[in-house]
PDB file of N, CA and C in Angstrom:
ATOM      1  N   UNK A   1     -13.206   2.016  -3.304  1.00  0.00           N
ATOM      2  CA  UNK A   1     -11.726   1.985  -3.899  1.00  0.00           C
ATOM      3  C   UNK A   1     -11.300   0.772  -4.341  1.00  0.00           C
ATOM      4  N   UNK A   2     -10.866   0.865  -5.684  1.00  0.00           N
ATOM      5  CA  UNK A   2     -10.128  -0.282  -6.393  1.00  0.00           C
ATOM      6  C   UNK A   2      -8.744  -0.538  -6.008  1.00  0.00           C
ATOM      7  N   UNK A   3      -8.604  -1.815  -6.137  1.00  0.00           N
ATOM      8  CA  UNK A   3      -7.113  -2.122  -5.520  1.00  0.00           C
ATOM      9  C   UNK A   3      -6.525  -3.074  -6.463  1.00  0.00           C
ATOM     10  N   UNK A   4      -5.457  -2.651  -6.735  1.00  0.00           N
ATOM     11  CA  UNK A   4      -4.586  -3.455  -7.935  1.00  0.00           C
ATOM     12  C   UNK A   4      -3.299  -3.772  -6.808  1.00  0.00           C
ATOM     13  N   UNK A   5      -3.051  -5.134  -6.759  1.00  0.00           N
ATOM     14  CA  UNK A   5      -2.154  -5.696  -6.219  1.00  0.00           C
ATOM     15  C   UNK A   5      -1.363  -6.472  -6.865  1.00  0.00           C
ATOM     16  N   UNK A   6       0.065  -6.330  -6.816  1.00  0.00           N
ATOM     17  CA  UNK A   6       1.194  -7.130  -7.574  1.00  0.00           C
ATOM     18  C   UNK A   6       2.087  -7.488  -6.910  1.00  0.00           C
ATOM     19  N   UNK A   7       2.684  -8.782  -7.334  1.00  0.00           N
ATOM     20  CA  UNK A   7       3.881  -9.586  -6.592  1.00  0.00           C
ATOM     21  C   UNK A   7       4.735  -9.683  -7.306  1.00  0.00           C
ATOM     22  N   UNK A   8       6.035  -9.256  -7.145  1.00  0.00           N
ATOM     23  CA  UNK A   8       7.383  -9.429  -7.906  1.00  0.00           C
ATOM     24  C   UNK A   8       8.186 -10.533  -7.085  1.00  0.00           C
ATOM     25  N   UNK A   9       8.423 -11.750  -7.703  1.00  0.00           N
ATOM     26  CA  UNK A   9       9.122 -12.738  -7.004  1.00  0.00           C
ATOM     27  C   UNK A   9       8.364 -13.249  -6.054  1.00  0.00           C
ATOM     28  N   UNK A  10       7.260 -13.277  -5.812  1.00  0.00           N
ATOM     29  CA  UNK A  10       6.410 -13.885  -4.889  1.00  0.00           C
ATOM     30  C   UNK A  10       4.986 -14.029  -5.323  1.00  0.00           C
ATOM     31  N   UNK A  11       4.203 -15.008  -4.585  1.00  0.00           N
ATOM     32  CA  UNK A  11       2.934 -15.107  -4.721  1.00  0.00           C
ATOM     33  C   UNK A  11       1.957 -14.264  -3.908  1.00  0.00           C
ATOM     34  N   UNK A  12       1.024 -13.631  -4.331  1.00  0.00           N
ATOM     35  CA  UNK A  12      -0.013 -12.961  -3.367  1.00  0.00           C
ATOM     36  C   UNK A  12      -0.859 -14.006  -2.450  1.00  0.00           C
ATOM     37  N   UNK A  13      -0.672 -14.192  -1.300  1.00  0.00           N
ATOM     38  CA  UNK A  13      -1.505 -15.151  -0.530  1.00  0.00           C
ATOM     39  C   UNK A  13      -2.683 -14.401   0.134  1.00  0.00           C
ATOM     40  N   UNK A  14      -3.755 -15.275   0.400  1.00  0.00           N
ATOM     41  CA  UNK A  14      -4.916 -14.415   1.146  1.00  0.00           C
ATOM     42  C   UNK A  14      -4.419 -13.782   2.389  1.00  0.00           C
ATOM     43  N   UNK A  15      -3.656 -14.141   2.925  1.00  0.00           N
ATOM     44  CA  UNK A  15      -3.202 -13.325   4.552  1.00  0.00           C
ATOM     45  C   UNK A  15      -2.460 -12.026   4.032  1.00  0.00           C
ATOM     46  N   UNK A  16      -1.627 -12.194   3.104  1.00  0.00           N
ATOM     47  CA  UNK A  16      -1.202 -11.142   2.725  1.00  0.00           C
ATOM     48  C   UNK A  16      -2.045 -10.009   1.786  1.00  0.00           C
ATOM     49  N   UNK A  17      -2.826 -10.327   1.178  1.00  0.00           N
ATOM     50  CA  UNK A  17      -4.076  -9.484   0.695  1.00  0.00           C
ATOM     51  C   UNK A  17      -4.741  -8.723   1.754  1.00  0.00           C
ATOM     52  N   UNK A  18      -5.183  -9.579   2.719  1.00  0.00           N
ATOM     53  CA  UNK A  18      -5.765  -9.083   3.966  1.00  0.00           C
ATOM     54  C   UNK A  18      -4.975  -8.106   4.875  1.00  0.00           C
ATOM     55  N   UNK A  19      -3.684  -8.360   4.893  1.00  0.00           N
ATOM     56  CA  UNK A  19      -2.880  -7.290   5.446  1.00  0.00           C
ATOM     57  C   UNK A  19      -2.906  -6.031   4.577  1.00  0.00           C
ATOM     58  N   UNK A  20      -2.724  -6.070   3.508  1.00  0.00           N
ATOM     59  CA  UNK A  20      -2.974  -4.828   2.687  1.00  0.00           C
ATOM     60  C   UNK A  20      -4.311  -4.002   2.681  1.00  0.00           C
ATOM     61  N   UNK A  21      -5.306  -4.835   2.462  1.00  0.00           N
ATOM     62  CA  UNK A  21      -6.752  -4.096   2.852  1.00  0.00           C
ATOM     63  C   UNK A  21      -7.211  -3.781   3.875  1.00  0.00           C
ATOM     64  N   UNK A  22      -6.509  -4.260   5.199  1.00  0.00           N
ATOM     65  CA  UNK A  22      -6.474  -3.683   6.263  1.00  0.00           C
ATOM     66  C   UNK A  22      -6.104  -2.279   6.456  1.00  0.00           C
ATOM     67  N   UNK A  23      -4.712  -2.198   6.038  1.00  0.00           N
ATOM     68  CA  UNK A  23      -4.235  -0.686   5.859  1.00  0.00           C
ATOM     69  C   UNK A  23      -4.803  -0.115   5.050  1.00  0.00           C
ATOM     70  N   UNK A  24      -5.357  -0.149   4.107  1.00  0.00           N
ATOM     71  CA  UNK A  24      -6.285   0.550   3.270  1.00  0.00           C
ATOM     72  C   UNK A  24      -7.504   1.218   3.681  1.00  0.00           C
ATOM     73  N   UNK A  25      -8.248   0.337   4.539  1.00  0.00           N
ATOM     74  CA  UNK A  25      -9.370   0.732   5.128  1.00  0.00           C
ATOM     75  C   UNK A  25      -9.083   2.062   6.325  1.00  0.00           C
ATOM     76  N   UNK A  26      -7.807   2.232   6.944  1.00  0.00           N
ATOM     77  CA  UNK A  26      -7.432   3.129   7.706  1.00  0.00           C
ATOM     78  C   UNK A  26      -7.283   4.448   6.729  1.00  0.00           C
ATOM     79  N   UNK A  27      -6.604   4.125   5.339  1.00  0.00           N
ATOM     80  CA  UNK A  27      -6.708   5.388   4.519  1.00  0.00           C
ATOM     81  C   UNK A  27      -7.858   6.005   4.088  1.00  0.00           C
ATOM     82  N   UNK A  28      -8.797   4.865   3.664  1.00  0.00           N
ATOM     83  CA  UNK A  28      -9.974   5.204   3.204  1.00  0.00           C
ATOM     84  C   UNK A  28     -10.691   6.217   4.144  1.00  0.00           C
ATOM     85  N   UNK A  29     -10.865   5.709   5.679  1.00  0.00           N
ATOM     86  CA  UNK A  29     -11.232   6.381   6.658  1.00  0.00           C
ATOM     87  C   UNK A  29     -10.822   8.042   6.483  1.00  0.00           C
ATOM     88  N   UNK A  30      -9.754   8.013   6.522  1.00  0.00           N
ATOM     89  CA  UNK A  30      -8.948   9.582   6.581  1.00  0.00           C
ATOM     90  C   UNK A  30      -9.525  10.099   5.322  1.00  0.00           C
ATOM     91  N   UNK A  31      -9.599   9.355   3.973  1.00  0.00           N
ATOM     92  CA  UNK A  31      -9.701  10.516   2.753  1.00  0.00           C
ATOM     93  C   UNK A  31     -11.192  10.314   2.439  1.00  0.00           C
ATOM     94  N   UNK A  32     -12.044   9.472   3.245  1.00  0.00           N
ATOM     95  CA  UNK A  32     -13.314   9.564   3.090  1.00  0.00           C
ATOM     96  C   UNK A  32     -13.721   8.786   1.867  1.00  0.00           C
ATOM     97  N   UNK A  33     -14.357   9.742   0.811  1.00  0.00           N
ATOM     98  CA  UNK A  33     -14.528   9.046  -0.594  1.00  0.00           C
ATOM     99  C   UNK A  33     -13.882   9.577  -1.589  1.00  0.00           C
ATOM    100  N   UNK A  34     -12.699  10.282  -1.326  1.00  0.00           N
ATOM    101  CA  UNK A  34     -11.662  10.857  -2.346  1.00  0.00           C
ATOM    102  C   UNK A  34     -11.050  10.003  -2.890  1.00  0.00           C
ATOM    103  N   UNK A  35     -10.682   8.737  -2.726  1.00  0.00           N
ATOM    104  CA  UNK A  35      -9.909   7.814  -3.138  1.00  0.00           C
ATOM    105  C   UNK A  35     -10.528   7.232  -4.351  1.00  0.00           C
ATOM    106  N   UNK A  36      -9.804   6.990  -5.343  1.00  0.00           N
ATOM    107  CA  UNK A  36     -10.487   6.362  -6.541  1.00  0.00           C
ATOM    108  C   UNK A  36      -9.680   4.881  -6.620  1.00  0.00           C
ATOM    109  N   UNK A  37      -8.454   5.125  -6.486  1.00  0.00           N
ATOM    110  CA  UNK A  37      -7.723   3.574  -6.799  1.00  0.00           C
ATOM    111  C   UNK A  37      -6.519   3.525  -5.971  1.00  0.00           C
ATOM    112  N   UNK A  38      -5.953   2.381  -5.830  1.00  0.00           N
ATOM    113  CA  UNK A  38      -4.654   2.204  -5.220  1.00  0.00           C
ATOM    114  C   UNK A  38      -3.959   0.996  -5.920  1.00  0.00           C
ATOM    115  N   UNK A  39      -2.505   1.490  -6.089  1.00  0.00           N
ATOM    116  CA  UNK A  39      -1.748   0.163  -6.722  1.00  0.00           C
ATOM    117  C   UNK A  39      -0.617  -0.081  -5.818  1.00  0.00           C
ATOM    118  N   UNK A  40      -0.422  -1.117  -5.625  1.00  0.00           N
ATOM    119  CA  UNK A  40       0.433  -1.800  -4.508  1.00  0.00           C
ATOM    120  C   UNK A  40       1.253  -2.760  -5.042  1.00  0.00           C
ATOM    121  N   UNK A  41       2.548  -2.571  -5.025  1.00  0.00           N
ATOM    122  CA  UNK A  41       3.667  -3.681  -5.831  1.00  0.00           C
ATOM    123  C   UNK A  41       4.487  -3.965  -4.539  1.00  0.00           C
ATOM    124  N   UNK A  42       4.449  -5.386  -4.520  1.00  0.00           N
ATOM    125  CA  UNK A  42       5.356  -6.138  -3.318  1.00  0.00           C
ATOM    126  C   UNK A  42       6.501  -6.862  -4.073  1.00  0.00           C
ATOM    127  N   UNK A  43       7.840  -6.479  -3.370  1.00  0.00           N
ATOM    128  CA  UNK A  43       8.796  -7.044  -3.949  1.00  0.00           C
ATOM    129  C   UNK A  43       9.541  -8.045  -2.821  1.00  0.00           C
ATOM    130  N   UNK A  44      10.255  -9.017  -3.190  1.00  0.00           N
ATOM    131  CA  UNK A  44      10.855  -9.685  -2.018  1.00  0.00           C
ATOM    132  C   UNK A  44      12.335  -9.817  -2.684  1.00  0.00           C
ATOM    133  N   UNK A  45      13.414  -9.507  -1.884  1.00  0.00           N
ATOM    134  CA  UNK A  45      14.684  -9.726  -2.241  1.00  0.00           C
ATOM    135  C   UNK A  45      15.398 -10.293  -1.448  1.00  0.00           C
ATOM    136  N   UNK A  46      15.876 -11.453  -1.112  1.00  0.00           N
ATOM    137  CA  UNK A  46      16.515 -12.421  -0.319  1.00  0.00           C
ATOM    138  C   UNK A  46      15.988 -12.162   0.955  1.00  0.00           C
ATOM    139  N   UNK A  47      16.386 -11.239   2.015  1.00  0.00           N
ATOM    140  CA  UNK A  47      15.714 -11.448   3.363  1.00  0.00           C
ATOM    141  C   UNK A  47      15.102 -10.000   3.586  1.00  0.00           C
ATOM    142  N   UNK A  48      14.976  -9.193   2.321  1.00  0.00           N
ATOM    143  CA  UNK A  48      14.263  -7.908   2.566  1.00  0.00           C
ATOM    144  C   UNK A  48      13.036  -7.728   1.713  1.00  0.00           C
ATOM    145  N   UNK A  49      12.014  -7.365   2.576  1.00  0.00           N
ATOM    146  CA  UNK A  49      10.375  -7.444   1.832  1.00  0.00           C
ATOM    147  C   UNK A  49      10.388  -5.620   1.366  1.00  0.00           C
ATOM    148  N   UNK A  50       9.963  -5.564   0.443  1.00  0.00           N
ATOM    149  CA  UNK A  50       9.863  -4.092  -0.058  1.00  0.00           C
ATOM    150  C   UNK A  50       8.306  -3.656  -0.856  1.00  0.00           C
ATOM    151  N   UNK A  51       7.805  -2.643  -0.320  1.00  0.00           N
ATOM    152  CA  UNK A  51       6.326  -2.264  -0.710  1.00  0.00           C
ATOM    153  C   UNK A  51       6.299  -0.778  -1.281  1.00  0.00           C
ATOM    154  N   UNK A  52       5.581  -0.818  -2.378  1.00  0.00           N
ATOM    155  CA  UNK A  52       5.450   0.547  -2.989  1.00  0.00           C
ATOM    156  C   UNK A  52       3.973   0.554  -3.448  1.00  0.00           C
ATOM    157  N   UNK A  53       3.443   1.653  -2.890  1.00  0.00           N
ATOM    158  CA  UNK A  53       2.008   1.985  -2.913  1.00  0.00           C
ATOM    159  C   UNK A  53       1.907   3.051  -3.414  1.00  0.00           C
ATOM    160  N   UNK A  54       0.983   3.533  -4.463  1.00  0.00           N
ATOM    161  CA  UNK A  54       0.597   4.615  -5.222  1.00  0.00           C
ATOM    162  C   UNK A  54      -1.029   4.874  -5.088  1.00  0.00           C
ATOM    163  N   UNK A  55      -1.483   5.974  -4.447  1.00  0.00           N
ATOM    164  CA  UNK A  55      -3.008   6.230  -4.096  1.00  0.00           C
ATOM    165  C   UNK A  55      -3.471   7.309  -5.313  1.00  0.00           C
ATOM    166  N   UNK A  56      -4.246   7.081  -5.881  1.00  0.00           N
ATOM    167  CA  UNK A  56      -4.773   8.114  -6.959  1.00  0.00           C
ATOM    168  C   UNK A  56      -6.459   8.546  -6.206  1.00  0.00           C
ATOM    169  N   UNK A  57      -6.337  10.021  -6.061  1.00  0.00           N
ATOM    170  CA  UNK A  57      -7.590  10.680  -5.237  1.00  0.00           C
ATOM    171  C   UNK A  57      -8.130  11.314  -6.415  1.00  0.00           C
ATOM    172  N   UNK A  58      -9.423  11.729  -6.092  1.00  0.00           N
ATOM    173  CA  UNK A  58     -10.059  12.732  -6.864  1.00  0.00           C
ATOM    174  C   UNK A  58      -9.147  13.952  -7.236  1.00  0.00           C
ATOM    175  N   UNK A  59      -9.591  14.372  -8.355  1.00  0.00           N
ATOM    176  CA  UNK A  59      -8.931  15.772  -8.632  1.00  0.00           C
ATOM    177  C   UNK A  59      -7.422  15.484  -9.199  1.00  0.00           C
ATOM    178  N   UNK A  60      -6.991  14.238  -9.888  1.00  0.00           N
ATOM    179  CA  UNK A  60      -5.839  13.971 -10.434  1.00  0.00           C
ATOM    180  C   UNK A  60      -4.686  14.197  -9.210  1.00  0.00           C
ATOM    181  N   UNK A  61      -4.715  13.799  -8.300  1.00  0.00           N
ATOM    182  CA  UNK A  61      -3.895  13.967  -6.844  1.00  0.00           C
ATOM    183  C   UNK A  61      -3.393  12.339  -6.845  1.00  0.00           C
ATOM    184  N   UNK A  62      -2.030  12.422  -6.611  1.00  0.00           N
ATOM    185  CA  UNK A  62      -1.518  11.040  -6.687  1.00  0.00           C
ATOM    186  C   UNK A  62      -0.458  11.089  -5.241  1.00  0.00           C
ATOM    187  N   UNK A  63      -0.364  10.107  -4.535  1.00  0.00           N
ATOM    188  CA  UNK A  63       0.181   9.963  -3.303  1.00  0.00           C
ATOM    189  C   UNK A  63       1.137   8.615  -3.468  1.00  0.00           C
ATOM    190  N   UNK A  64       2.549   8.575  -3.138  1.00  0.00           N
ATOM    191  CA  UNK A  64       3.321   7.590  -3.432  1.00  0.00           C
ATOM    192  C   UNK A  64       3.999   7.396  -1.924  1.00  0.00           C
ATOM    193  N   UNK A  65       4.084   6.195  -1.504  1.00  0.00           N
ATOM    194  CA  UNK A  65       4.855   5.916  -0.595  1.00  0.00           C
ATOM    195  C   UNK A  65       5.758   4.570  -0.740  1.00  0.00           C
ATOM    196  N   UNK A  66       6.778   4.252  -0.214  1.00  0.00           N
ATOM    197  CA  UNK A  66       7.546   2.976  -0.186  1.00  0.00           C
ATOM    198  C   UNK A  66       8.250   2.633   1.082  1.00  0.00           C
ATOM    199  N   UNK A  67       8.289   1.672   1.161  1.00  0.00           N
ATOM    200  CA  UNK A  67       8.923   0.988   2.625  1.00  0.00           C
ATOM    201  C   UNK A  67       9.651  -0.287   2.470  1.00  0.00           C
ATOM    202  N   UNK A  68      10.235  -0.790   3.472  1.00  0.00           N
ATOM    203  CA  UNK A  68      11.003  -1.824   3.298  1.00  0.00           C
ATOM    204  C   UNK A  68      11.189  -2.256   4.819  1.00  0.00           C
ATOM    205  N   UNK A  69      11.702  -3.572   5.207  1.00  0.00           N
ATOM    206  CA  UNK A  69      11.693  -4.153   6.139  1.00  0.00           C
ATOM    207  C   UNK A  69      11.861  -5.657   6.380  1.00  0.00           C
ATOM    208  N   UNK A  70      12.179  -6.462   7.319  1.00  0.00           N
ATOM    209  CA  UNK A  70      12.371  -7.679   7.552  1.00  0.00           C
ATOM    210  C   UNK A  70      10.944  -8.702   7.139  1.00  0.00           C
ATOM    211  N   UNK A  71       9.801  -7.942   7.337  1.00  0.00           N
ATOM    212  CA  UNK A  71       8.906  -8.673   7.328  1.00  0.00           C
ATOM    213  C   UNK A  71       7.547  -7.716   6.522  1.00  0.00           C
ATOM    214  N   UNK A  72       6.468  -8.238   5.692  1.00  0.00           N
ATOM    215  CA  UNK A  72       5.583  -7.478   4.919  1.00  0.00           C
ATOM    216  C   UNK A  72       4.838  -6.522   5.891  1.00  0.00           C
ATOM    217  N   UNK A  73       4.812  -6.917   7.091  1.00  0.00           N
ATOM    218  CA  UNK A  73       3.761  -5.564   8.284  1.00  0.00           C
ATOM    219  C   UNK A  73       4.533  -4.573   8.110  1.00  0.00           C
ATOM    220  N   UNK A  74       6.065  -4.458   8.544  1.00  0.00           N
ATOM    221  CA  UNK A  74       6.754  -3.337   8.450  1.00  0.00           C
ATOM    222  C   UNK A  74       7.075  -2.550   7.243  1.00  0.00           C
ATOM    223  N   UNK A  75       6.871  -3.180   6.112  1.00  0.00           N
ATOM    224  CA  UNK A  75       7.264  -2.823   4.858  1.00  0.00           C
ATOM    225  C   UNK A  75       6.035  -2.124   4.469  1.00  0.00           C
ATOM    226  N   UNK A  76       4.849  -2.717   4.635  1.00  0.00           N
ATOM    227  CA  UNK A  76       3.267  -1.931   4.462  1.00  0.00           C
ATOM    228  C   UNK A  76       3.109  -0.798   5.281  1.00  0.00           C
ATOM    229  N   UNK A  77       3.556  -1.155   6.182  1.00  0.00           N
ATOM    230  CA  UNK A  77       3.217   0.166   7.518  1.00  0.00           C
ATOM    231  C   UNK A  77       4.056   1.269   6.892  1.00  0.00           C
ATOM    232  N   UNK A  78       5.247   1.205   6.570  1.00  0.00           N
ATOM    233  CA  UNK A  78       6.064   2.477   6.358  1.00  0.00           C
ATOM    234  C   UNK A  78       5.470   2.730   5.210  1.00  0.00           C
ATOM    235  N   UNK A  79       5.252   2.319   4.107  1.00  0.00           N
ATOM    236  CA  UNK A  79       4.613   2.560   2.812  1.00  0.00           C
ATOM    237  C   UNK A  79       3.443   3.368   3.028  1.00  0.00           C
ATOM    238  N   UNK A  80       2.265   2.760   3.706  1.00  0.00           N
ATOM    239  CA  UNK A  80       0.981   3.488   4.037  1.00  0.00           C
ATOM    240  C   UNK A  80       1.313   4.559   4.877  1.00  0.00           C
ATOM    241  N   UNK A  81       2.174   4.506   5.832  1.00  0.00           N
ATOM    242  CA  UNK A  81       2.276   5.640   6.765  1.00  0.00           C
ATOM    243  C   UNK A  81       2.791   6.891   5.989  1.00  0.00           C
ATOM    244  N   UNK A  82       3.489   6.871   4.754  1.00  0.00           N
ATOM    245  CA  UNK A  82       4.137   7.860   4.151  1.00  0.00           C
ATOM    246  C   UNK A  82       2.947   8.448   3.321  1.00  0.00           C
ATOM    247  N   UNK A  83       2.142   7.543   2.991  1.00  0.00           N
ATOM    248  CA  UNK A  83       1.074   8.347   2.048  1.00  0.00           C
ATOM    249  C   UNK A  83      -0.109   8.633   2.993  1.00  0.00           C
ATOM    250  N   UNK A  84       0.151   8.311   4.243  1.00  0.00           N
ATOM    251  CA  UNK A  84      -1.126   8.807   5.370  1.00  0.00           C
ATOM    252  C   UNK A  84      -0.435  10.412   5.606  1.00  0.00           C
ATOM    253  N   UNK A  85       0.732  10.465   5.737  1.00  0.00           N
ATOM    254  CA  UNK A  85       1.203  11.909   6.142  1.00  0.00           C
ATOM    255  C   UNK A  85       1.008  12.701   4.848  1.00  0.00           C
ATOM    256  N   UNK A  86       1.143  12.436   3.791  1.00  0.00           N
ATOM    257  CA  UNK A  86       1.027  13.188   2.671  1.00  0.00           C
ATOM    258  C   UNK A  86      -0.563  13.633   2.390  1.00  0.00           C
ATOM    259  N   UNK A  87      -1.466  12.773   2.872  1.00  0.00           N
ATOM    260  CA  UNK A  87      -2.814  13.196   2.660  1.00  0.00           C
ATOM    261  C   UNK A  87      -3.387  13.913   3.867  1.00  0.00           C
ATOM    262  N   UNK A  88      -2.564  13.769   4.809  1.00  0.00           N
ATOM    263  CA  UNK A  88      -2.924  14.914   5.944  1.00  0.00           C
ATOM    264  C   UNK A  88      -2.497  16.376   5.348  1.00  0.00           C
TER     265      UNK A  88
END
């Protein structure tokens, strides 16, 4: 699966990239080989962290999830959890 990671008002660090990739591994296992690409946009607004994720699966299926929280882990877990729910 191809990953496109974008940061708005922040720099993407290796630990942040690793956090996103770990969450994608769980989704990849659920979807097997039907996932084609994933776009993740991370925003930082003062004390709030926001994550938006869009997954493109075979057959022109798009799954979208957003999340926000005080840290990146919470925001990413919310966004990827919503995509996980849609995939089921």
